[in-house]
Full PDB file with SEQRES, HELIX, SHEET, SSBOND, CRYST1, ORIGX, SCALE, CONECT and MASTER records, all heavy atoms in Angstrom:
SEQRES   1 A   31  SER GLN ILE LEU ALA LEU LYS ARG VAL LEU ARG ALA PRO          
SEQRES   2 A   31  TRP GLN GLN PRO MET ALA SER GLU GLN ARG GLU LEU CYS          
SEQRES   3 A   31  LYS LEU LYS ARG ARG                                          
HELIX    1 AA1 GLN A    2  ARG A   11  1                                  10    
HELIX    2 AA2 ALA A   19  ARG A   30  1                                  12    
CRYST1    1.000    1.000    1.000  90.00  90.00  90.00 P 1           1          
ORIGX1      1.000000  0.000000  0.000000        0.00000                         
ORIGX2      0.000000  1.000000  0.000000        0.00000                         
ORIGX3      0.000000  0.000000  1.000000        0.00000                         
SCALE1      1.000000  0.000000  0.000000        0.00000                         
SCALE2      0.000000  1.000000  0.000000        0.00000                         
SCALE3      0.000000  0.000000  1.000000        0.00000                         
ATOM      1  N   SER A   1      25.091  97.354-160.144  1.00  0.00           N  
ATOM      2  CA  SER A   1      24.848  98.374-161.159  1.00  0.00           C  
ATOM      3  C   SER A   1      26.027  98.354-162.152  1.00  0.00           C  
ATOM      4  O   SER A   1      25.836  98.578-163.353  1.00  0.00           O  
ATOM      5  CB  SER A   1      24.667  99.760-160.595  1.00  0.00           C  
ATOM      6  OG  SER A   1      25.800 100.159-159.906  1.00  0.00           O  
ATOM      7  N   GLN A   2      27.287  98.096-161.676  1.00  0.00           N  
ATOM      8  CA  GLN A   2      28.414  98.027-162.577  1.00  0.00           C  
ATOM      9  C   GLN A   2      28.272  96.850-163.503  1.00  0.00           C  
ATOM     10  O   GLN A   2      28.583  96.899-164.715  1.00  0.00           O  
ATOM     11  CB  GLN A   2      29.714  97.892-161.788  1.00  0.00           C  
ATOM     12  CG  GLN A   2      30.106  99.195-161.069  1.00  0.00           C  
ATOM     13  CD  GLN A   2      31.360  98.940-160.241  1.00  0.00           C  
ATOM     14  OE1 GLN A   2      31.488  97.903-159.570  1.00  0.00           O  
ATOM     15  NE2 GLN A   2      32.283  99.905-160.248  1.00  0.00           N  
ATOM     16  N   ILE A   3      27.796  95.671-162.984  1.00  0.00           N  
ATOM     17  CA  ILE A   3      27.553  94.514-163.778  1.00  0.00           C  
ATOM     18  C   ILE A   3      26.522  94.766-164.838  1.00  0.00           C  
ATOM     19  O   ILE A   3      26.729  94.400-166.028  1.00  0.00           O  
ATOM     20  CB  ILE A   3      27.162  93.298-162.915  1.00  0.00           C  
ATOM     21  CG1 ILE A   3      28.384  92.820-162.071  1.00  0.00           C  
ATOM     22  CG2 ILE A   3      26.628  92.145-163.708  1.00  0.00           C  
ATOM     23  CD1 ILE A   3      28.068  91.824-161.022  1.00  0.00           C  
ATOM     24  N   LEU A   4      25.424  95.408-164.494  1.00  0.00           N  
ATOM     25  CA  LEU A   4      24.416  95.712-165.459  1.00  0.00           C  
ATOM     26  C   LEU A   4      24.908  96.622-166.574  1.00  0.00           C  
ATOM     27  O   LEU A   4      24.581  96.434-167.755  1.00  0.00           O  
ATOM     28  CB  LEU A   4      23.204  96.322-164.777  1.00  0.00           C  
ATOM     29  CG  LEU A   4      22.306  95.425-163.954  1.00  0.00           C  
ATOM     30  CD1 LEU A   4      21.297  96.166-163.190  1.00  0.00           C  
ATOM     31  CD2 LEU A   4      21.674  94.353-164.812  1.00  0.00           C  
ATOM     32  N   ALA A   5      25.718  97.613-166.181  1.00  0.00           N  
ATOM     33  CA  ALA A   5      26.260  98.550-167.194  1.00  0.00           C  
ATOM     34  C   ALA A   5      27.211  97.813-168.149  1.00  0.00           C  
ATOM     35  O   ALA A   5      27.133  98.008-169.371  1.00  0.00           O  
ATOM     36  CB  ALA A   5      26.992  99.684-166.506  1.00  0.00           C  
ATOM     37  N   LEU A   6      28.045  96.948-167.646  1.00  0.00           N  
ATOM     38  CA  LEU A   6      28.949  96.166-168.510  1.00  0.00           C  
ATOM     39  C   LEU A   6      28.196  95.228-169.417  1.00  0.00           C  
ATOM     40  O   LEU A   6      28.494  95.025-170.593  1.00  0.00           O  
ATOM     41  CB  LEU A   6      29.963  95.384-167.642  1.00  0.00           C  
ATOM     42  CG  LEU A   6      31.275  96.036-167.467  1.00  0.00           C  
ATOM     43  CD1 LEU A   6      32.137  95.179-166.545  1.00  0.00           C  
ATOM     44  CD2 LEU A   6      31.999  96.261-168.804  1.00  0.00           C  
ATOM     45  N   LYS A   7      27.140  94.577-168.869  1.00  0.00           N  
ATOM     46  CA  LYS A   7      26.350  93.678-169.696  1.00  0.00           C  
ATOM     47  C   LYS A   7      25.657  94.425-170.837  1.00  0.00           C  
ATOM     48  O   LYS A   7      25.549  93.889-171.942  1.00  0.00           O  
ATOM     49  CB  LYS A   7      25.298  92.969-168.832  1.00  0.00           C  
ATOM     50  CG  LYS A   7      25.882  91.819-168.018  1.00  0.00           C  
ATOM     51  CD  LYS A   7      24.739  91.106-167.250  1.00  0.00           C  
ATOM     52  CE  LYS A   7      25.242  89.866-166.589  1.00  0.00           C  
ATOM     53  NZ  LYS A   7      24.109  89.137-165.931  1.00  0.00           N  
ATOM     54  N   ARG A   8      25.240  95.646-170.540  1.00  0.00           N  
ATOM     55  CA  ARG A   8      24.572  96.453-171.582  1.00  0.00           C  
ATOM     56  C   ARG A   8      25.585  96.702-172.746  1.00  0.00           C  
ATOM     57  O   ARG A   8      25.220  96.607-173.927  1.00  0.00           O  
ATOM     58  CB  ARG A   8      24.121  97.805-171.006  1.00  0.00           C  
ATOM     59  CG  ARG A   8      22.781  98.185-171.414  1.00  0.00           C  
ATOM     60  CD  ARG A   8      22.262  99.409-170.710  1.00  0.00           C  
ATOM     61  NE  ARG A   8      21.748  99.133-169.386  1.00  0.00           N  
ATOM     62  CZ  ARG A   8      22.185  99.638-168.252  1.00  0.00           C  
ATOM     63  NH1 ARG A   8      23.166 100.504-168.248  1.00  0.00           N  
ATOM     64  NH2 ARG A   8      21.643  99.261-167.102  1.00  0.00           N  
ATOM     65  N   VAL A   9      26.826  97.000-172.373  1.00  0.00           N  
ATOM     66  CA  VAL A   9      27.856  97.242-173.378  1.00  0.00           C  
ATOM     67  C   VAL A   9      28.173  95.989-174.174  1.00  0.00           C  
ATOM     68  O   VAL A   9      28.276  95.984-175.373  1.00  0.00           O  
ATOM     69  CB  VAL A   9      29.135  97.754-172.685  1.00  0.00           C  
ATOM     70  CG1 VAL A   9      30.305  97.772-173.645  1.00  0.00           C  
ATOM     71  CG2 VAL A   9      28.896  99.183-172.154  1.00  0.00           C  
ATOM     72  N   LEU A  10      28.237  94.869-173.465  1.00  0.00           N  
ATOM     73  CA  LEU A  10      28.613  93.581-174.091  1.00  0.00           C  
ATOM     74  C   LEU A  10      27.457  93.003-174.984  1.00  0.00           C  
ATOM     75  O   LEU A  10      27.713  92.258-175.881  1.00  0.00           O  
ATOM     76  CB  LEU A  10      29.059  92.545-173.069  1.00  0.00           C  
ATOM     77  CG  LEU A  10      30.405  92.873-172.416  1.00  0.00           C  
ATOM     78  CD1 LEU A  10      30.639  91.912-171.230  1.00  0.00           C  
ATOM     79  CD2 LEU A  10      31.517  92.722-173.426  1.00  0.00           C  
ATOM     80  N   ARG A  11      26.257  93.401-174.715  1.00  0.00           N  
ATOM     81  CA  ARG A  11      25.113  92.898-175.463  1.00  0.00           C  
ATOM     82  C   ARG A  11      24.954  93.659-176.814  1.00  0.00           C  
ATOM     83  O   ARG A  11      24.354  93.196-177.761  1.00  0.00           O  
ATOM     84  CB  ARG A  11      23.812  93.033-174.736  1.00  0.00           C  
ATOM     85  CG  ARG A  11      23.710  91.999-173.588  1.00  0.00           C  
ATOM     86  CD  ARG A  11      22.391  92.116-172.924  1.00  0.00           C  
ATOM     87  NE  ARG A  11      22.334  91.203-171.780  1.00  0.00           N  
ATOM     88  CZ  ARG A  11      21.998  91.531-170.534  1.00  0.00           C  
ATOM     89  NH1 ARG A  11      21.535  92.744-170.288  1.00  0.00           N  
ATOM     90  NH2 ARG A  11      21.994  90.621-169.589  1.00  0.00           N  
ATOM     91  N   ALA A  12      25.475  94.871-176.855  1.00  0.00           N  
ATOM     92  CA  ALA A  12      25.429  95.686-178.089  1.00  0.00           C  
ATOM     93  C   ALA A  12      26.385  95.132-179.128  1.00  0.00           C  
ATOM     94  O   ALA A  12      27.369  94.399-178.747  1.00  0.00           O  
ATOM     95  CB  ALA A  12      25.771  97.145-177.744  1.00  0.00           C  
ATOM     96  N   PRO A  13      26.168  95.390-180.384  1.00  0.00           N  
ATOM     97  CA  PRO A  13      27.139  94.933-181.382  1.00  0.00           C  
ATOM     98  C   PRO A  13      28.528  95.507-181.102  1.00  0.00           C  
ATOM     99  O   PRO A  13      28.694  96.667-180.796  1.00  0.00           O  
ATOM    100  CB  PRO A  13      26.565  95.578-182.696  1.00  0.00           C  
ATOM    101  CG  PRO A  13      25.112  95.773-182.407  1.00  0.00           C  
ATOM    102  CD  PRO A  13      25.012  96.088-180.978  1.00  0.00           C  
ATOM    103  N   TRP A  14      29.513  94.635-181.172  1.00  0.00           N  
ATOM    104  CA  TRP A  14      30.859  95.049-180.823  1.00  0.00           C  
ATOM    105  C   TRP A  14      31.503  95.775-182.015  1.00  0.00           C  
ATOM    106  O   TRP A  14      31.472  95.334-183.118  1.00  0.00           O  
ATOM    107  CB  TRP A  14      31.726  93.816-180.508  1.00  0.00           C  
ATOM    108  CG  TRP A  14      31.250  93.103-179.260  1.00  0.00           C  
ATOM    109  CD1 TRP A  14      30.207  93.368-178.482  1.00  0.00           C  
ATOM    110  CD2 TRP A  14      31.941  91.979-178.658  1.00  0.00           C  
ATOM    111  NE1 TRP A  14      30.152  92.521-177.438  1.00  0.00           N  
ATOM    112  CE2 TRP A  14      31.192  91.672-177.496  1.00  0.00           C  
ATOM    113  CE3 TRP A  14      33.019  91.276-178.957  1.00  0.00           C  
ATOM    114  CZ2 TRP A  14      31.525  90.583-176.686  1.00  0.00           C  
ATOM    115  CZ3 TRP A  14      33.421  90.201-178.121  1.00  0.00           C  
ATOM    116  CH2 TRP A  14      32.699  89.901-177.007  1.00  0.00           C  
ATOM    117  N   GLN A  15      32.137  96.887-181.716  1.00  0.00           N  
ATOM    118  CA  GLN A  15      32.826  97.692-182.697  1.00  0.00           C  
ATOM    119  C   GLN A  15      34.341  97.593-182.464  1.00  0.00           C  
ATOM    120  O   GLN A  15      35.113  98.117-183.303  1.00  0.00           O  
ATOM    121  CB  GLN A  15      32.415  99.169-182.608  1.00  0.00           C  
ATOM    122  CG  GLN A  15      30.924  99.405-182.746  1.00  0.00           C  
ATOM    123  CD  GLN A  15      30.411  98.953-184.103  1.00  0.00           C  
ATOM    124  OE1 GLN A  15      31.077  99.185-185.131  1.00  0.00           O  
ATOM    125  NE2 GLN A  15      29.220  98.363-184.128  1.00  0.00           N  
ATOM    126  N   GLN A  16      34.767  96.892-181.414  1.00  0.00           N  
ATOM    127  CA  GLN A  16      36.148  96.792-181.059  1.00  0.00           C  
ATOM    128  C   GLN A  16      36.335  95.515-180.228  1.00  0.00           C  
ATOM    129  O   GLN A  16      35.339  94.943-179.807  1.00  0.00           O  
ATOM    130  CB  GLN A  16      36.560  97.981-180.239  1.00  0.00           C  
ATOM    131  CG  GLN A  16      35.842  98.117-178.941  1.00  0.00           C  
ATOM    132  CD  GLN A  16      35.997  99.407-178.248  1.00  0.00           C  
ATOM    133  OE1 GLN A  16      36.274 100.441-178.915  1.00  0.00           O  
ATOM    134  NE2 GLN A  16      35.853  99.469-176.983  1.00  0.00           N  
ATOM    135  N   PRO A  17      37.537  95.098-179.997  1.00  0.00           N  
ATOM    136  CA  PRO A  17      37.743  93.908-179.123  1.00  0.00           C  
ATOM    137  C   PRO A  17      37.193  94.214-177.695  1.00  0.00           C  
ATOM    138  O   PRO A  17      37.394  95.342-177.218  1.00  0.00           O  
ATOM    139  CB  PRO A  17      39.250  93.728-179.097  1.00  0.00           C  
ATOM    140  CG  PRO A  17      39.730  94.383-180.339  1.00  0.00           C  
ATOM    141  CD  PRO A  17      38.787  95.510-180.616  1.00  0.00           C  
ATOM    142  N   MET A  18      36.528  93.263-177.100  1.00  0.00           N  
ATOM    143  CA  MET A  18      35.917  93.508-175.789  1.00  0.00           C  
ATOM    144  C   MET A  18      36.490  92.576-174.701  1.00  0.00           C  
ATOM    145  O   MET A  18      35.808  92.341-173.687  1.00  0.00           O  
ATOM    146  CB  MET A  18      34.415  93.242-175.922  1.00  0.00           C  
ATOM    147  CG  MET A  18      33.721  94.136-176.939  1.00  0.00           C  
ATOM    148  SD  MET A  18      33.744  95.838-176.448  1.00  0.00           S  
ATOM    149  CE  MET A  18      32.194  95.964-175.614  1.00  0.00           C  
ATOM    150  N   ALA A  19      37.678  92.055-174.881  1.00  0.00           N  
ATOM    151  CA  ALA A  19      38.273  91.141-173.892  1.00  0.00           C  
ATOM    152  C   ALA A  19      38.401  91.807-172.542  1.00  0.00           C  
ATOM    153  O   ALA A  19      38.126  91.152-171.524  1.00  0.00           O  
ATOM    154  CB  ALA A  19      39.598  90.647-174.426  1.00  0.00           C  
ATOM    155  N   SER A  20      38.799  93.045-172.476  1.00  0.00           N  
ATOM    156  CA  SER A  20      38.998  93.675-171.160  1.00  0.00           C  
ATOM    157  C   SER A  20      37.666  93.861-170.468  1.00  0.00           C  
ATOM    158  O   SER A  20      37.615  93.677-169.209  1.00  0.00           O  
ATOM    159  CB  SER A  20      39.703  95.043-171.332  1.00  0.00           C  
ATOM    160  OG  SER A  20      38.933  95.937-172.080  1.00  0.00           O  
ATOM    161  N   GLU A  21      36.609  94.145-171.206  1.00  0.00           N  
ATOM    162  CA  GLU A  21      35.269  94.279-170.613  1.00  0.00           C  
ATOM    163  C   GLU A  21      34.795  92.928-170.114  1.00  0.00           C  
ATOM    164  O   GLU A  21      34.169  92.847-169.040  1.00  0.00           O  
ATOM    165  CB  GLU A  21      34.266  94.845-171.586  1.00  0.00           C  
ATOM    166  CG  GLU A  21      34.433  96.325-171.855  1.00  0.00           C  
ATOM    167  CD  GLU A  21      35.491  96.636-172.903  1.00  0.00           C  
ATOM    168  OE1 GLU A  21      36.234  95.728-173.384  1.00  0.00           O  
ATOM    169  OE2 GLU A  21      35.550  97.809-173.313  1.00  0.00           O  
ATOM    170  N   GLN A  22      35.064  91.853-170.841  1.00  0.00           N  
ATOM    171  CA  GLN A  22      34.670  90.515-170.414  1.00  0.00           C  
ATOM    172  C   GLN A  22      35.435  90.110-169.123  1.00  0.00           C  
ATOM    173  O   GLN A  22      34.844  89.515-168.207  1.00  0.00           O  
ATOM    174  CB  GLN A  22      34.917  89.511-171.494  1.00  0.00           C  
ATOM    175  CG  GLN A  22      33.975  89.676-172.692  1.00  0.00           C  
ATOM    176  CD  GLN A  22      34.349  88.756-173.841  1.00  0.00           C  
ATOM    177  OE1 GLN A  22      35.509  88.642-174.173  1.00  0.00           O  
ATOM    178  NE2 GLN A  22      33.334  88.158-174.425  1.00  0.00           N  
ATOM    179  N   ARG A  23      36.676  90.411-169.071  1.00  0.00           N  
ATOM    180  CA  ARG A  23      37.509  90.105-167.847  1.00  0.00           C  
ATOM    181  C   ARG A  23      36.962  90.909-166.658  1.00  0.00           C  
ATOM    182  O   ARG A  23      36.848  90.376-165.551  1.00  0.00           O  
ATOM    183  CB  ARG A  23      38.961  90.426-168.080  1.00  0.00           C  
ATOM    184  CG  ARG A  23      39.671  89.292-168.854  1.00  0.00           C  
ATOM    185  CD  ARG A  23      41.192  89.539-168.816  1.00  0.00           C  
ATOM    186  NE  ARG A  23      41.607  90.719-169.524  1.00  0.00           N  
ATOM    187  CZ  ARG A  23      41.879  90.805-170.816  1.00  0.00           C  
ATOM    188  NH1 ARG A  23      41.693  89.713-171.569  1.00  0.00           N  
ATOM    189  NH2 ARG A  23      42.220  91.942-171.404  1.00  0.00           N  
ATOM    190  N   GLU A  24      36.657  92.188-166.896  1.00  0.00           N  
ATOM    191  CA  GLU A  24      36.119  93.024-165.818  1.00  0.00           C  
ATOM    192  C   GLU A  24      34.761  92.484-165.329  1.00  0.00           C  
ATOM    193  O   GLU A  24      34.513  92.424-164.120  1.00  0.00           O  
ATOM    194  CB  GLU A  24      35.936  94.486-166.314  1.00  0.00           C  
ATOM    195  CG  GLU A  24      35.377  95.420-165.255  1.00  0.00           C  
ATOM    196  CD  GLU A  24      36.352  95.672-164.130  1.00  0.00           C  
ATOM    197  OE1 GLU A  24      37.561  95.364-164.256  1.00  0.00           O  
ATOM    198  OE2 GLU A  24      35.873  96.131-163.063  1.00  0.00           O  
ATOM    199  N   LEU A  25      33.885  92.013-166.237  1.00  0.00           N  
ATOM    200  CA  LEU A  25      32.637  91.403-165.837  1.00  0.00           C  
ATOM    201  C   LEU A  25      32.830  90.191-164.985  1.00  0.00           C  
ATOM    202  O   LEU A  25      32.170  90.055-163.930  1.00  0.00           O  
ATOM    203  CB  LEU A  25      31.810  91.086-167.096  1.00  0.00           C  
ATOM    204  CG  LEU A  25      30.428  90.431-166.847  1.00  0.00           C  
ATOM    205  CD1 LEU A  25      29.521  91.366-166.026  1.00  0.00           C  
ATOM    206  CD2 LEU A  25      29.777  90.031-168.117  1.00  0.00           C  
ATOM    207  N   CYS A  26      33.760  89.313-165.353  1.00  0.00           N  
ATOM    208  CA  CYS A  26      34.057  88.137-164.578  1.00  0.00           C  
ATOM    209  C   CYS A  26      34.549  88.550-163.171  1.00  0.00           C  
ATOM    210  O   CYS A  26      34.145  87.914-162.142  1.00  0.00           O  
ATOM    211  CB  CYS A  26      35.059  87.227-165.240  1.00  0.00           C  
ATOM    212  SG  CYS A  26      34.396  86.364-166.662  1.00  0.00           S  
ATOM    213  N   LYS A  27      35.408  89.499-163.090  1.00  0.00           N  
ATOM    214  CA  LYS A  27      35.925  89.967-161.847  1.00  0.00           C  
ATOM    215  C   LYS A  27      34.823  90.518-160.919  1.00  0.00           C  
ATOM    216  O   LYS A  27      34.741  90.231-159.736  1.00  0.00           O  
ATOM    217  CB  LYS A  27      37.014  91.059-162.082  1.00  0.00           C  
ATOM    218  CG  LYS A  27      37.727  91.504-160.817  1.00  0.00           C  
ATOM    219  CD  LYS A  27      38.780  92.508-161.168  1.00  0.00           C  
ATOM    220  CE  LYS A  27      38.188  93.863-160.968  1.00  0.00           C  
ATOM    221  NZ  LYS A  27      39.057  94.981-161.115  1.00  0.00           N  
ATOM    222  N   LEU A  28      33.929  91.339-161.467  1.00  0.00           N  
ATOM    223  CA  LEU A  28      32.789  91.887-160.725  1.00  0.00           C  
ATOM    224  C   LEU A  28      31.853  90.807-160.237  1.00  0.00           C  
ATOM    225  O   LEU A  28      31.349  90.834-159.116  1.00  0.00           O  
ATOM    226  CB  LEU A  28      32.069  92.906-161.567  1.00  0.00           C  
ATOM    227  CG  LEU A  28      32.811  94.233-161.812  1.00  0.00           C  
ATOM    228  CD1 LEU A  28      32.032  95.093-162.810  1.00  0.00           C  
ATOM    229  CD2 LEU A  28      32.990  94.996-160.503  1.00  0.00           C  
ATOM    230  N   LYS A  29      31.558  89.824-161.135  1.00  0.00           N  
ATOM    231  CA  LYS A  29      30.676  88.736-160.723  1.00  0.00           C  
ATOM    232  C   LYS A  29      31.283  87.923-159.614  1.00  0.00           C  
ATOM    233  O   LYS A  29      30.603  87.514-158.669  1.00  0.00           O  
ATOM    234  CB  LYS A  29      30.354  87.904-161.917  1.00  0.00           C  
ATOM    235  CG  LYS A  29      29.445  88.577-162.944  1.00  0.00           C  
ATOM    236  CD  LYS A  29      29.331  87.824-164.212  1.00  0.00           C  
ATOM    237  CE  LYS A  29      28.152  86.942-164.277  1.00  0.00           C  
ATOM    238  NZ  LYS A  29      28.008  86.292-165.581  1.00  0.00           N  
ATOM    239  N   ARG A  30      32.562  87.683-159.658  1.00  0.00           N  
ATOM    240  CA  ARG A  30      33.238  86.961-158.612  1.00  0.00           C  
ATOM    241  C   ARG A  30      33.182  87.706-157.276  1.00  0.00           C  
ATOM    242  O   ARG A  30      32.899  87.176-156.204  1.00  0.00           O  
ATOM    243  CB  ARG A  30      34.699  86.665-158.967  1.00  0.00           C  
ATOM    244  CG  ARG A  30      35.412  85.699-158.077  1.00  0.00           C  
ATOM    245  CD  ARG A  30      36.841  85.350-158.550  1.00  0.00           C  
ATOM    246  NE  ARG A  30      36.872  85.069-159.967  1.00  0.00           N  
ATOM    247  CZ  ARG A  30      37.570  85.835-160.894  1.00  0.00           C  
ATOM    248  NH1 ARG A  30      38.206  86.914-160.490  1.00  0.00           N  
ATOM    249  NH2 ARG A  30      37.553  85.505-162.159  1.00  0.00           N  
ATOM    250  N   ARG A  31      33.391  89.029-157.355  1.00  0.00           N  
ATOM    251  CA  ARG A  31      33.327  89.854-156.154  1.00  0.00           C  
ATOM    252  C   ARG A  31      31.916  89.877-155.562  1.00  0.00           C  
ATOM    253  O   ARG A  31      31.716  89.785-154.384  1.00  0.00           O  
ATOM    254  CB  ARG A  31      33.775  91.311-156.468  1.00  0.00           C  
ATOM    255  CG  ARG A  31      33.720  92.290-155.332  1.00  0.00           C  
ATOM    256  CD  ARG A  31      34.670  91.936-154.251  1.00  0.00           C  
ATOM    257  NE  ARG A  31      34.552  92.983-153.197  1.00  0.00           N  
ATOM    258  CZ  ARG A  31      35.282  92.984-152.150  1.00  0.00           C  
ATOM    259  NH1 ARG A  31      36.178  92.053-151.940  1.00  0.00           N  
ATOM    260  NH2 ARG A  31      35.146  93.971-151.286  1.00  0.00           N  
TER     261      ARG A  31                                                      
MASTER        0    0    0    2    0    0    0    6  260    1    0    3          
END                                                                             
């Protein structure tokens, strides 16, 4: 569910840098 929520955020038009969200997604996927 955390992965799905982050993907929803990352699929929307970016209004700010999203590097931390991308790193968090990679960490969650690895876990």
